[in-house]
Amino acid sequence: MALICVGALQNAGAQSTVGNPAPQDDNELTQLQESFTGALSRLDKPQSDLKTSFVDALDRLLRDESKKGNLEGAAEVKREIDAFGDGSAFVPENFLARATSNVQLEKLRSTFLAQRSKIDEANALTLGNLADTYRQRLLKIEQEQTRQGNLDLALAARKERERNLNDPRFPKATDEKKIDGAFEGRLIFAGKGEFEIRLNGDQLRIRNEADNRAQYLEGESQPETIKPGDIVVIRMRSFFVFRAFVCGIEAEDGSLAVPFRAEDYRMLDDSHDVARMEASDILKLPGRPTSDGADSSQVPAWTRRDLSEPIRQKSEWVRMGSGDEWFRCAVVVRDDMFVKIAK
């Protein structure tokens, strides 16, 4: 459930590709809110089903006690039904505080509490991941709409994010915690053909600065929060014999570089649904792109950029295949890939 819900949020909203940015959907915020609400509803279903089962069991017990002529027992069960369905928020302490001498009723209560506890435990991590993803998407909308001058939509996204941050139903937000190893950085790339990059499921807006953008790729993404465990997916195709590309990450403050070496990449095929995969699953994949140098026309696109030495010297050119098919590969960002830059 966690991966399905989070994946739905990651895919909500408009996306773009290099050289042909899609216009930002005016309904993106509304679509994201609806997706989040739907995901919450799916999380609520196990609890709702459990409540229905408990009430049905109480109704059966009430009929049994009534048939036995046990007025006291039937009255206790009736009080339990009325108290449970009074519309108030469920509080385990209040639930247990209602004294009963009915053995069957006590068993039903114990079973209900045990099952509810398991559901709560399973939902806790899912709910935290779901809320974190929602807040991150809201922040992206806020930043993008601010850059485009759509201040009303940017403010609406901020207001919704702040409301969610203050909602007591959700765990403390990831963006309020100190994430060990996190930094603001840009993904830098060069290559040939068509190219797109996703970070944790979100397609990045990247600027292609090549002189001949119909053939060449040369540019960088907008600033993104990067941390160990992030998943970068690169999708590419080319009509040219040489289809190599090179990629890396540089911190905005110039303190850190993350060069991508050939050994860091994992090939993906159509059976690999990254939205449902953990970083550990990707690292286990055996396929690697070919470690190969670029042709002479590609090299200047990388060497002429203002790059840190670790990025320039340690990032490796790789190739994913031939022909005009789309190929995908993934890189799991690991802290052992980080290279500190001396100032």
C-alpha atoms as a PDB file:
ATOM      1  CA  MET A   1       0.000   0.000   0.000  1.00  0.00           C
ATOM      2  CA  ALA A   2       2.791   2.448   0.846  1.00  0.00           C
ATOM      3  CA  LEU A   3       4.459   2.174  -2.531  1.00  0.00           C
ATOM      4  CA  ILE A   4       1.190   2.342  -4.451  1.00  0.00           C
ATOM      5  CA  CYS A   5       0.020   5.471  -2.638  1.00  0.00           C
ATOM      6  CA  VAL A   6       3.340   7.279  -2.815  1.00  0.00           C
ATOM      7  CA  GLY A   7       3.781   6.302  -6.455  1.00  0.00           C
ATOM      8  CA  ALA A   8       0.393   7.824  -7.262  1.00  0.00           C
ATOM      9  CA  LEU A   9       1.479  11.123  -5.734  1.00  0.00           C
ATOM     10  CA  GLN A  10       4.817  11.078  -7.523  1.00  0.00           C
ATOM     11  CA  ASN A  11       3.056  10.715 -10.864  1.00  0.00           C
ATOM     12  CA  ALA A  12       0.493  13.446 -10.170  1.00  0.00           C
ATOM     13  CA  GLY A  13       0.955  16.732 -12.019  1.00  0.00           C
ATOM     14  CA  ALA A  14       2.513  17.968 -15.250  1.00  0.00           C
ATOM     15  CA  GLN A  15       5.910  16.821 -16.478  1.00  0.00           C
ATOM     16  CA  SER A  16       8.320  17.926 -19.199  1.00  0.00           C
ATOM     17  CA  THR A  17      11.185  16.774 -21.415  1.00  0.00           C
ATOM     18  CA  VAL A  18      14.374  18.448 -22.601  1.00  0.00           C
ATOM     19  CA  GLY A  19      13.892  20.945 -25.384  1.00  0.00           C
ATOM     20  CA  ASN A  20      10.098  20.799 -25.268  1.00  0.00           C
ATOM     21  CA  PRO A  21       8.811  21.764 -21.804  1.00  0.00           C
ATOM     22  CA  ALA A  22       5.151  20.969 -21.229  1.00  0.00           C
ATOM     23  CA  PRO A  23       3.072  23.889 -19.931  1.00  0.00           C
ATOM     24  CA  GLN A  24       2.337  23.762 -16.214  1.00  0.00           C
ATOM     25  CA  ASP A  25      -1.185  22.455 -15.683  1.00  0.00           C
ATOM     26  CA  ASP A  26      -3.339  25.060 -13.900  1.00  0.00           C
ATOM     27  CA  ASN A  27      -5.106  22.176 -12.173  1.00  0.00           C
ATOM     28  CA  GLU A  28      -1.895  20.588 -10.894  1.00  0.00           C
ATOM     29  CA  LEU A  29      -2.516  21.640  -7.291  1.00  0.00           C
ATOM     30  CA  THR A  30      -6.121  20.410  -7.384  1.00  0.00           C
ATOM     31  CA  GLN A  31      -5.063  17.106  -8.948  1.00  0.00           C
ATOM     32  CA  LEU A  32      -2.385  16.621  -6.293  1.00  0.00           C
ATOM     33  CA  GLN A  33      -4.850  17.336  -3.477  1.00  0.00           C
ATOM     34  CA  GLU A  34      -7.351  14.870  -4.937  1.00  0.00           C
ATOM     35  CA  SER A  35      -4.640  12.230  -5.301  1.00  0.00           C
ATOM     36  CA  PHE A  36      -3.595  12.715  -1.665  1.00  0.00           C
ATOM     37  CA  THR A  37      -7.193  12.537  -0.432  1.00  0.00           C
ATOM     38  CA  GLY A  38      -7.745   9.349  -2.434  1.00  0.00           C
ATOM     39  CA  ALA A  39      -4.599   7.786  -1.004  1.00  0.00           C
ATOM     40  CA  LEU A  40      -5.752   8.640   2.538  1.00  0.00           C
ATOM     41  CA  SER A  41      -9.131   7.045   1.836  1.00  0.00           C
ATOM     42  CA  ARG A  42      -7.435   3.837   0.787  1.00  0.00           C
ATOM     43  CA  LEU A  43      -5.442   3.872   4.018  1.00  0.00           C
ATOM     44  CA  ASP A  44      -8.663   4.317   6.032  1.00  0.00           C
ATOM     45  CA  LYS A  45     -10.343   1.273   4.494  1.00  0.00           C
ATOM     46  CA  PRO A  46      -8.790  -1.414   6.763  1.00  0.00           C
ATOM     47  CA  GLN A  47      -9.889   0.523   9.859  1.00  0.00           C
ATOM     48  CA  SER A  48     -13.331   1.054   8.396  1.00  0.00           C
ATOM     49  CA  ASP A  49     -13.674  -2.638   7.568  1.00  0.00           C
ATOM     50  CA  LEU A  50     -12.560  -3.555  11.099  1.00  0.00           C
ATOM     51  CA  LYS A  51     -15.156  -1.225  12.653  1.00  0.00           C
ATOM     52  CA  THR A  52     -17.880  -2.751  10.487  1.00  0.00           C
ATOM     53  CA  SER A  53     -16.836  -6.268  11.520  1.00  0.00           C
ATOM     54  CA  PHE A  54     -16.828  -5.263  15.204  1.00  0.00           C
ATOM     55  CA  VAL A  55     -20.309  -3.728  15.032  1.00  0.00           C
ATOM     56  CA  ASP A  56     -21.629  -6.780  13.159  1.00  0.00           C
ATOM     57  CA  ALA A  57     -20.185  -9.018  15.891  1.00  0.00           C
ATOM     58  CA  LEU A  58     -21.830  -6.857  18.565  1.00  0.00           C
ATOM     59  CA  ASP A  59     -25.179  -7.103  16.784  1.00  0.00           C
ATOM     60  CA  ARG A  60     -24.900 -10.893  16.717  1.00  0.00           C
ATOM     61  CA  LEU A  61     -23.987 -10.955  20.389  1.00  0.00           C
ATOM     62  CA  LEU A  62     -26.954  -8.693  21.208  1.00  0.00           C
ATOM     63  CA  ARG A  63     -29.318 -11.094  19.429  1.00  0.00           C
ATOM     64  CA  ASP A  64     -27.804 -14.080  21.253  1.00  0.00           C
ATOM     65  CA  GLU A  65     -28.137 -12.425  24.679  1.00  0.00           C
ATOM     66  CA  SER A  66     -31.703 -11.373  23.897  1.00  0.00           C
ATOM     67  CA  LYS A  67     -32.679 -14.899  22.812  1.00  0.00           C
ATOM     68  CA  LYS A  68     -31.284 -16.233  26.100  1.00  0.00           C
ATOM     69  CA  GLY A  69     -33.468 -13.776  28.022  1.00  0.00           C
ATOM     70  CA  ASN A  70     -30.319 -12.271  29.549  1.00  0.00           C
ATOM     71  CA  LEU A  71     -31.475  -8.683  30.075  1.00  0.00           C
ATOM     72  CA  GLU A  72     -28.324  -7.547  31.868  1.00  0.00           C
ATOM     73  CA  GLY A  73     -26.034  -9.035  29.210  1.00  0.00           C
ATOM     74  CA  ALA A  74     -28.107  -7.616  26.360  1.00  0.00           C
ATOM     75  CA  ALA A  75     -28.155  -4.181  28.020  1.00  0.00           C
ATOM     76  CA  GLU A  76     -24.329  -4.171  28.313  1.00  0.00           C
ATOM     77  CA  VAL A  77     -23.936  -5.051  24.647  1.00  0.00           C
ATOM     78  CA  LYS A  78     -26.493  -2.378  23.671  1.00  0.00           C
ATOM     79  CA  ARG A  79     -24.556   0.235  25.680  1.00  0.00           C
ATOM     80  CA  GLU A  80     -21.363  -0.846  23.896  1.00  0.00           C
ATOM     81  CA  ILE A  81     -23.008  -0.466  20.478  1.00  0.00           C
ATOM     82  CA  ASP A  82     -24.317   3.003  21.375  1.00  0.00           C
ATOM     83  CA  ALA A  83     -20.972   4.156  22.812  1.00  0.00           C
ATOM     84  CA  PHE A  84     -18.947   2.793  19.897  1.00  0.00           C
ATOM     85  CA  GLY A  85     -21.178   4.482  17.329  1.00  0.00           C
ATOM     86  CA  ASP A  86     -21.539   7.864  19.011  1.00  0.00           C
ATOM     87  CA  GLY A  87     -19.363   9.568  16.384  1.00  0.00           C
ATOM     88  CA  SER A  88     -16.542  10.507  18.733  1.00  0.00           C
ATOM     89  CA  ALA A  89     -12.877   9.850  17.929  1.00  0.00           C
ATOM     90  CA  PHE A  90     -11.675   6.417  18.994  1.00  0.00           C
ATOM     91  CA  VAL A  91      -9.553   6.497  22.165  1.00  0.00           C
ATOM     92  CA  PRO A  92      -8.294   3.113  23.452  1.00  0.00           C
ATOM     93  CA  GLU A  93      -8.354   4.313  27.071  1.00  0.00           C
ATOM     94  CA  ASN A  94     -12.038   5.241  26.844  1.00  0.00           C
ATOM     95  CA  PHE A  95     -12.766   1.965  25.117  1.00  0.00           C
ATOM     96  CA  LEU A  96     -11.213  -0.021  27.956  1.00  0.00           C
ATOM     97  CA  ALA A  97     -12.734   2.169  30.669  1.00  0.00           C
ATOM     98  CA  ARG A  98     -16.235   0.878  29.954  1.00  0.00           C
ATOM     99  CA  ALA A  99     -16.558  -1.872  32.569  1.00  0.00           C
ATOM    100  CA  THR A 100     -18.282  -5.102  31.592  1.00  0.00           C
ATOM    101  CA  SER A 101     -18.946  -8.483  33.149  1.00  0.00           C
ATOM    102  CA  ASN A 102     -19.897 -10.005  29.797  1.00  0.00           C
ATOM    103  CA  VAL A 103     -17.150 -12.492  28.876  1.00  0.00           C
ATOM    104  CA  GLN A 104     -18.044 -12.588  25.176  1.00  0.00           C
ATOM    105  CA  LEU A 105     -18.087  -8.790  24.967  1.00  0.00           C
ATOM    106  CA  GLU A 106     -14.661  -8.631  26.615  1.00  0.00           C
ATOM    107  CA  LYS A 107     -13.289 -11.111  24.054  1.00  0.00           C
ATOM    108  CA  LEU A 108     -14.662  -9.036  21.175  1.00  0.00           C
ATOM    109  CA  ARG A 109     -13.040  -5.909  22.615  1.00  0.00           C
ATOM    110  CA  SER A 110      -9.661  -7.628  23.002  1.00  0.00           C
ATOM    111  CA  THR A 111      -9.756  -8.950  19.447  1.00  0.00           C
ATOM    112  CA  PHE A 112     -10.736  -5.530  18.080  1.00  0.00           C
ATOM    113  CA  LEU A 113      -7.932  -3.737  19.942  1.00  0.00           C
ATOM    114  CA  ALA A 114      -5.294  -6.275  18.847  1.00  0.00           C
ATOM    115  CA  GLN A 115      -6.306  -6.011  15.194  1.00  0.00           C
ATOM    116  CA  ARG A 116      -6.558  -2.233  15.317  1.00  0.00           C
ATOM    117  CA  SER A 117      -3.073  -2.007  16.818  1.00  0.00           C
ATOM    118  CA  LYS A 118      -1.625  -4.044  13.931  1.00  0.00           C
ATOM    119  CA  ILE A 119      -3.339  -1.816  11.367  1.00  0.00           C
ATOM    120  CA  ASP A 120      -2.122   1.337  13.126  1.00  0.00           C
ATOM    121  CA  GLU A 121       1.430   0.036  13.161  1.00  0.00           C
ATOM    122  CA  ALA A 122       1.312  -0.837   9.462  1.00  0.00           C
ATOM    123  CA  ASN A 123      -0.201   2.534   8.557  1.00  0.00           C
ATOM    124  CA  ALA A 124       2.244   4.665  10.550  1.00  0.00           C
ATOM    125  CA  LEU A 125       5.180   4.357   8.127  1.00  0.00           C
ATOM    126  CA  THR A 126       2.909   4.538   5.088  1.00  0.00           C
ATOM    127  CA  LEU A 127       1.228   7.675   6.394  1.00  0.00           C
ATOM    128  CA  GLY A 128       4.581   9.347   7.070  1.00  0.00           C
ATOM    129  CA  ASN A 129       5.900   8.536   3.593  1.00  0.00           C
ATOM    130  CA  LEU A 130       2.646   9.648   2.010  1.00  0.00           C
ATOM    131  CA  ALA A 131       2.632  12.993   3.840  1.00  0.00           C
ATOM    132  CA  ASP A 132       6.328  13.590   3.078  1.00  0.00           C
ATOM    133  CA  THR A 133       5.796  12.965  -0.634  1.00  0.00           C
ATOM    134  CA  TYR A 134       2.745  15.251  -0.644  1.00  0.00           C
ATOM    135  CA  ARG A 135       4.650  18.080   1.036  1.00  0.00           C
ATOM    136  CA  GLN A 136       7.593  17.708  -1.340  1.00  0.00           C
ATOM    137  CA  ARG A 137       5.255  17.886  -4.349  1.00  0.00           C
ATOM    138  CA  LEU A 138       3.568  20.979  -2.881  1.00  0.00           C
ATOM    139  CA  LEU A 139       6.963  22.613  -2.390  1.00  0.00           C
ATOM    140  CA  LYS A 140       7.890  21.907  -6.024  1.00  0.00           C
ATOM    141  CA  ILE A 141       4.636  23.497  -7.216  1.00  0.00           C
ATOM    142  CA  GLU A 142       5.275  26.521  -4.994  1.00  0.00           C
ATOM    143  CA  GLN A 143       8.810  27.001  -6.311  1.00  0.00           C
ATOM    144  CA  GLU A 144       7.937  26.402  -9.973  1.00  0.00           C
ATOM    145  CA  GLN A 145       4.898  28.681  -9.940  1.00  0.00           C
ATOM    146  CA  THR A 146       6.925  31.387  -8.203  1.00  0.00           C
ATOM    147  CA  ARG A 147       9.530  31.204 -10.986  1.00  0.00           C
ATOM    148  CA  GLN A 148       6.742  31.482 -13.571  1.00  0.00           C
ATOM    149  CA  GLY A 149       5.157  34.460 -11.792  1.00  0.00           C
ATOM    150  CA  ASN A 150       1.946  32.613 -10.840  1.00  0.00           C
ATOM    151  CA  LEU A 151       2.009  33.922  -7.276  1.00  0.00           C
ATOM    152  CA  ASP A 152      -1.606  33.078  -6.374  1.00  0.00           C
ATOM    153  CA  LEU A 153      -1.048  29.391  -7.165  1.00  0.00           C
ATOM    154  CA  ALA A 154       2.345  29.437  -5.437  1.00  0.00           C
ATOM    155  CA  LEU A 155       0.774  30.891  -2.276  1.00  0.00           C
ATOM    156  CA  ALA A 156      -2.065  28.356  -2.418  1.00  0.00           C
ATOM    157  CA  ALA A 157       0.484  25.519  -2.557  1.00  0.00           C
ATOM    158  CA  ARG A 158       2.393  27.000   0.398  1.00  0.00           C
ATOM    159  CA  LYS A 159      -0.796  27.396   2.438  1.00  0.00           C
ATOM    160  CA  GLU A 160      -1.762  23.765   1.783  1.00  0.00           C
ATOM    161  CA  ARG A 161       1.726  22.549   2.733  1.00  0.00           C
ATOM    162  CA  GLU A 162       1.659  24.533   5.986  1.00  0.00           C
ATOM    163  CA  ARG A 163      -1.817  23.196   6.782  1.00  0.00           C
ATOM    164  CA  ASN A 164      -0.559  19.659   6.248  1.00  0.00           C
ATOM    165  CA  LEU A 165       2.537  20.273   8.369  1.00  0.00           C
ATOM    166  CA  ASN A 166       0.292  21.317  11.264  1.00  0.00           C
ATOM    167  CA  ASP A 167      -2.154  18.418  10.845  1.00  0.00           C
ATOM    168  CA  PRO A 168      -1.834  16.238  13.996  1.00  0.00           C
ATOM    169  CA  ARG A 169      -2.766  13.099  12.020  1.00  0.00           C
ATOM    170  CA  PHE A 170       0.617  13.017  10.304  1.00  0.00           C
ATOM    171  CA  PRO A 171       4.085  12.265  11.718  1.00  0.00           C
ATOM    172  CA  LYS A 172       6.722  14.952  11.933  1.00  0.00           C
ATOM    173  CA  ALA A 173       7.661  16.021   8.416  1.00  0.00           C
ATOM    174  CA  THR A 174      10.908  14.892   6.839  1.00  0.00           C
ATOM    175  CA  ASP A 175      11.603  18.475   5.764  1.00  0.00           C
ATOM    176  CA  GLU A 176      11.465  19.493   9.454  1.00  0.00           C
ATOM    177  CA  LYS A 177      14.040  16.861  10.435  1.00  0.00           C
ATOM    178  CA  LYS A 178      17.755  17.001   9.933  1.00  0.00           C
ATOM    179  CA  ILE A 179      18.484  14.563   7.120  1.00  0.00           C
ATOM    180  CA  ASP A 180      22.018  13.292   7.491  1.00  0.00           C
ATOM    181  CA  GLY A 181      23.987  13.927   4.307  1.00  0.00           C
ATOM    182  CA  ALA A 182      21.308  15.997   2.521  1.00  0.00           C
ATOM    183  CA  PHE A 183      22.353  18.983   0.409  1.00  0.00           C
ATOM    184  CA  GLU A 184      21.035  21.235  -2.347  1.00  0.00           C
ATOM    185  CA  GLY A 185      22.517  20.316  -5.695  1.00  0.00           C
ATOM    186  CA  ARG A 186      22.061  20.206  -9.472  1.00  0.00           C
ATOM    187  CA  LEU A 187      22.324  17.228 -11.811  1.00  0.00           C
ATOM    188  CA  ILE A 188      24.722  18.072 -14.636  1.00  0.00           C
ATOM    189  CA  PHE A 189      24.781  16.127 -17.909  1.00  0.00           C
ATOM    190  CA  ALA A 190      26.025  15.928 -21.484  1.00  0.00           C
ATOM    191  CA  GLY A 191      25.195  13.554 -24.319  1.00  0.00           C
ATOM    192  CA  LYS A 192      23.440  13.076 -27.643  1.00  0.00           C
ATOM    193  CA  GLY A 193      19.780  12.581 -28.526  1.00  0.00           C
ATOM    194  CA  GLU A 194      16.672  12.783 -26.320  1.00  0.00           C
ATOM    195  CA  PHE A 195      17.162  12.656 -22.595  1.00  0.00           C
ATOM    196  CA  GLU A 196      15.148  12.880 -19.369  1.00  0.00           C
ATOM    197  CA  ILE A 197      15.992  12.540 -15.690  1.00  0.00           C
ATOM    198  CA  ARG A 198      13.767  11.569 -12.771  1.00  0.00           C
ATOM    199  CA  LEU A 199      14.624  12.006  -9.116  1.00  0.00           C
ATOM    200  CA  ASN A 200      12.586   9.761  -6.778  1.00  0.00           C
ATOM    201  CA  GLY A 201       9.888   9.490  -9.441  1.00  0.00           C
ATOM    202  CA  ASP A 202       9.638  13.196 -10.275  1.00  0.00           C
ATOM    203  CA  GLN A 203      10.718  14.206 -13.769  1.00  0.00           C
ATOM    204  CA  LEU A 204      13.149  17.095 -13.445  1.00  0.00           C
ATOM    205  CA  ARG A 205      12.975  20.297 -15.429  1.00  0.00           C
ATOM    206  CA  ILE A 206      16.351  20.509 -17.085  1.00  0.00           C
ATOM    207  CA  ARG A 207      17.834  23.143 -19.337  1.00  0.00           C
ATOM    208  CA  ASN A 208      19.594  22.031 -22.514  1.00  0.00           C
ATOM    209  CA  GLU A 209      22.299  24.595 -23.288  1.00  0.00           C
ATOM    210  CA  ALA A 210      23.796  22.873 -26.339  1.00  0.00           C
ATOM    211  CA  ASP A 211      24.271  24.980 -29.481  1.00  0.00           C
ATOM    212  CA  ASN A 212      22.618  22.249 -31.567  1.00  0.00           C
ATOM    213  CA  ARG A 213      19.826  21.084 -29.288  1.00  0.00           C
ATOM    214  CA  ALA A 214      18.333  18.828 -31.962  1.00  0.00           C
ATOM    215  CA  GLN A 215      21.349  16.523 -31.597  1.00  0.00           C
ATOM    216  CA  TYR A 216      23.294  17.361 -28.478  1.00  0.00           C
ATOM    217  CA  LEU A 217      22.622  17.518 -24.759  1.00  0.00           C
ATOM    218  CA  GLU A 218      24.449  19.820 -22.415  1.00  0.00           C
ATOM    219  CA  GLY A 219      22.970  21.318 -19.287  1.00  0.00           C
ATOM    220  CA  GLU A 220      21.750  20.941 -15.739  1.00  0.00           C
ATOM    221  CA  SER A 221      18.631  20.613 -13.608  1.00  0.00           C
ATOM    222  CA  GLN A 222      17.039  23.092 -11.240  1.00  0.00           C
ATOM    223  CA  PRO A 223      18.364  22.880  -7.654  1.00  0.00           C
ATOM    224  CA  GLU A 224      17.082  19.788  -5.852  1.00  0.00           C
ATOM    225  CA  THR A 225      17.482  18.368  -2.340  1.00  0.00           C
ATOM    226  CA  ILE A 226      19.821  15.375  -2.695  1.00  0.00           C
ATOM    227  CA  LYS A 227      20.411  12.744  -0.022  1.00  0.00           C
ATOM    228  CA  PRO A 228      21.718   9.190   0.292  1.00  0.00           C
ATOM    229  CA  GLY A 229      19.131   6.682  -0.883  1.00  0.00           C
ATOM    230  CA  ASP A 230      17.719   8.930  -3.613  1.00  0.00           C
ATOM    231  CA  ILE A 231      17.045   7.197  -6.931  1.00  0.00           C
ATOM    232  CA  VAL A 232      18.048   8.901 -10.176  1.00  0.00           C
ATOM    233  CA  VAL A 233      16.560   7.374 -13.343  1.00  0.00           C
ATOM    234  CA  ILE A 234      17.954   8.406 -16.736  1.00  0.00           C
ATOM    235  CA  ARG A 235      15.972   7.657 -19.889  1.00  0.00           C
ATOM    236  CA  MET A 236      17.558   8.250 -23.286  1.00  0.00           C
ATOM    237  CA  ARG A 237      17.415   7.454 -26.967  1.00  0.00           C
ATOM    238  CA  SER A 238      19.408   8.608 -29.974  1.00  0.00           C
ATOM    239  CA  PHE A 239      19.346   8.258 -33.752  1.00  0.00           C
ATOM    240  CA  PHE A 240      23.125   8.465 -33.859  1.00  0.00           C
ATOM    241  CA  VAL A 241      25.812   5.824 -33.655  1.00  0.00           C
ATOM    242  CA  PHE A 242      27.358   7.540 -30.651  1.00  0.00           C
ATOM    243  CA  ARG A 243      24.808   7.657 -27.859  1.00  0.00           C
ATOM    244  CA  ALA A 244      27.018   8.025 -24.782  1.00  0.00           C
ATOM    245  CA  PHE A 245      26.181  10.361 -21.925  1.00  0.00           C
ATOM    246  CA  VAL A 246      27.809  11.531 -18.715  1.00  0.00           C
ATOM    247  CA  CYS A 247      26.179  12.767 -15.529  1.00  0.00           C
ATOM    248  CA  GLY A 248      26.984  13.925 -11.996  1.00  0.00           C
ATOM    249  CA  ILE A 249      25.739  16.105  -9.149  1.00  0.00           C
ATOM    250  CA  GLU A 250      27.293  19.273  -7.718  1.00  0.00           C
ATOM    251  CA  ALA A 251      26.259  20.985  -4.491  1.00  0.00           C
ATOM    252  CA  GLU A 252      24.942  24.519  -4.836  1.00  0.00           C
ATOM    253  CA  ASP A 253      27.461  25.795  -2.283  1.00  0.00           C
ATOM    254  CA  GLY A 254      30.374  24.138  -4.110  1.00  0.00           C
ATOM    255  CA  SER A 255      31.295  21.941  -1.143  1.00  0.00           C
ATOM    256  CA  LEU A 256      30.404  18.546  -2.551  1.00  0.00           C
ATOM    257  CA  ALA A 257      30.374  16.554  -5.791  1.00  0.00           C
ATOM    258  CA  VAL A 258      28.791  13.222  -6.689  1.00  0.00           C
ATOM    259  CA  PRO A 259      30.359  11.880  -9.894  1.00  0.00           C
ATOM    260  CA  PHE A 260      28.481   9.013 -11.557  1.00  0.00           C
ATOM    261  CA  ARG A 261      30.862   6.191 -12.531  1.00  0.00           C
ATOM    262  CA  ALA A 262      29.962   3.326 -14.851  1.00  0.00           C
ATOM    263  CA  GLU A 263      29.767   0.925 -11.888  1.00  0.00           C
ATOM    264  CA  ASP A 264      27.095   3.116 -10.250  1.00  0.00           C
ATOM    265  CA  TYR A 265      24.510   2.581 -13.014  1.00  0.00           C
ATOM    266  CA  ARG A 266      21.976  -0.253 -13.162  1.00  0.00           C
ATOM    267  CA  MET A 267      20.130  -1.067 -16.385  1.00  0.00           C
ATOM    268  CA  LEU A 268      16.327  -1.148 -16.254  1.00  0.00           C
ATOM    269  CA  ASP A 269      13.947  -2.990 -18.566  1.00  0.00           C
ATOM    270  CA  ASP A 270      10.166  -2.865 -18.996  1.00  0.00           C
ATOM    271  CA  SER A 271       9.639  -5.260 -16.086  1.00  0.00           C
ATOM    272  CA  HIS A 272      11.247  -2.857 -13.614  1.00  0.00           C
ATOM    273  CA  ASP A 273       8.658  -0.551 -11.999  1.00  0.00           C
ATOM    274  CA  VAL A 274      10.921   1.842 -10.117  1.00  0.00           C
ATOM    275  CA  ALA A 275       7.981   3.355  -8.206  1.00  0.00           C
ATOM    276  CA  ARG A 276       7.568  -0.009  -6.485  1.00  0.00           C
ATOM    277  CA  MET A 277      11.277  -0.713  -5.961  1.00  0.00           C
ATOM    278  CA  GLU A 278      13.466   0.090  -2.980  1.00  0.00           C
ATOM    279  CA  ALA A 279      17.016   1.369  -3.412  1.00  0.00           C
ATOM    280  CA  SER A 280      18.296  -2.016  -2.243  1.00  0.00           C
ATOM    281  CA  ASP A 281      16.325  -3.739  -5.029  1.00  0.00           C
ATOM    282  CA  ILE A 282      17.938  -1.535  -7.666  1.00  0.00           C
ATOM    283  CA  LEU A 283      21.439  -2.099  -6.316  1.00  0.00           C
ATOM    284  CA  LYS A 284      20.935  -5.859  -6.750  1.00  0.00           C
ATOM    285  CA  LEU A 285      20.245  -5.557 -10.482  1.00  0.00           C
ATOM    286  CA  PRO A 286      23.079  -7.121 -12.499  1.00  0.00           C
ATOM    287  CA  GLY A 287      22.890  -5.130 -15.752  1.00  0.00           C
ATOM    288  CA  ARG A 288      25.307  -2.260 -16.373  1.00  0.00           C
ATOM    289  CA  PRO A 289      25.588   0.158 -19.297  1.00  0.00           C
ATOM    290  CA  THR A 290      28.708  -0.042 -21.397  1.00  0.00           C
ATOM    291  CA  SER A 291      31.631   1.967 -20.072  1.00  0.00           C
ATOM    292  CA  ASP A 292      32.822   3.804 -23.150  1.00  0.00           C
ATOM    293  CA  GLY A 293      34.216   7.138 -24.191  1.00  0.00           C
ATOM    294  CA  ALA A 294      32.227   9.693 -26.122  1.00  0.00           C
ATOM    295  CA  ASP A 295      32.968  10.646 -29.688  1.00  0.00           C
ATOM    296  CA  SER A 296      35.142  13.702 -30.317  1.00  0.00           C
ATOM    297  CA  SER A 297      32.143  15.952 -30.923  1.00  0.00           C
ATOM    298  CA  GLN A 298      30.693  15.209 -27.477  1.00  0.00           C
ATOM    299  CA  VAL A 299      33.721  15.719 -25.268  1.00  0.00           C
ATOM    300  CA  PRO A 300      33.792  19.552 -25.511  1.00  0.00           C
ATOM    301  CA  ALA A 301      30.217  19.694 -24.196  1.00  0.00           C
ATOM    302  CA  TRP A 302      31.561  18.370 -20.901  1.00  0.00           C
ATOM    303  CA  THR A 303      35.071  19.785 -20.720  1.00  0.00           C
ATOM    304  CA  ARG A 304      34.107  23.389 -21.460  1.00  0.00           C
ATOM    305  CA  ARG A 305      31.632  23.555 -18.578  1.00  0.00           C
ATOM    306  CA  ASP A 306      32.558  25.154 -15.276  1.00  0.00           C
ATOM    307  CA  LEU A 307      32.831  21.904 -13.340  1.00  0.00           C
ATOM    308  CA  SER A 308      34.545  20.877 -10.135  1.00  0.00           C
ATOM    309  CA  GLU A 309      37.551  18.619 -10.587  1.00  0.00           C
ATOM    310  CA  PRO A 310      35.839  15.531  -9.069  1.00  0.00           C
ATOM    311  CA  ILE A 311      32.950  15.861 -11.515  1.00  0.00           C
ATOM    312  CA  ARG A 312      35.206  16.549 -14.482  1.00  0.00           C
ATOM    313  CA  GLN A 313      37.727  13.790 -13.736  1.00  0.00           C
ATOM    314  CA  LYS A 314      35.662  11.029 -12.123  1.00  0.00           C
ATOM    315  CA  SER A 315      32.301  11.114 -13.937  1.00  0.00           C
ATOM    316  CA  GLU A 316      32.383   8.421 -16.637  1.00  0.00           C
ATOM    317  CA  TRP A 317      30.779   8.309 -20.078  1.00  0.00           C
ATOM    318  CA  VAL A 318      28.477   5.319 -20.570  1.00  0.00           C
ATOM    319  CA  ARG A 319      26.280   3.908 -23.348  1.00  0.00           C
ATOM    320  CA  MET A 320      22.956   2.110 -22.908  1.00  0.00           C
ATOM    321  CA  GLY A 321      22.374   0.578 -26.343  1.00  0.00           C
ATOM    322  CA  SER A 322      22.017   1.156 -30.056  1.00  0.00           C
ATOM    323  CA  GLY A 323      19.205   2.146 -32.390  1.00  0.00           C
ATOM    324  CA  ASP A 324      16.420   4.611 -31.686  1.00  0.00           C
ATOM    325  CA  GLU A 325      14.831   2.708 -28.757  1.00  0.00           C
ATOM    326  CA  TRP A 326      14.421   4.277 -25.346  1.00  0.00           C
ATOM    327  CA  PHE A 327      16.785   2.872 -22.727  1.00  0.00           C
ATOM    328  CA  ARG A 328      16.646   3.393 -18.950  1.00  0.00           C
ATOM    329  CA  CYS A 329      19.169   3.108 -16.170  1.00  0.00           C
ATOM    330  CA  ALA A 330      19.160   4.031 -12.493  1.00  0.00           C
ATOM    331  CA  VAL A 331      21.686   5.316  -9.994  1.00  0.00           C
ATOM    332  CA  VAL A 332      21.153   5.014  -6.239  1.00  0.00           C
ATOM    333  CA  VAL A 333      22.847   7.957  -4.553  1.00  0.00           C
ATOM    334  CA  ARG A 334      25.154   6.633  -1.826  1.00  0.00           C
ATOM    335  CA  ASP A 335      27.235   8.541   0.682  1.00  0.00           C
ATOM    336  CA  ASP A 336      30.359   6.667  -0.424  1.00  0.00           C
ATOM    337  CA  MET A 337      29.959   8.419  -3.809  1.00  0.00           C
ATOM    338  CA  PHE A 338      30.264  11.872  -2.176  1.00  0.00           C
ATOM    339  CA  VAL A 339      33.506  13.756  -2.797  1.00  0.00           C
ATOM    340  CA  LYS A 340      34.206  16.798  -0.654  1.00  0.00           C
ATOM    341  CA  ILE A 341      35.639  19.777  -2.487  1.00  0.00           C
ATOM    342  CA  ALA A 342      38.391  21.655  -0.695  1.00  0.00           C
ATOM    343  CA  LYS A 343      37.916  25.424  -0.693  1.00  0.00           C
END
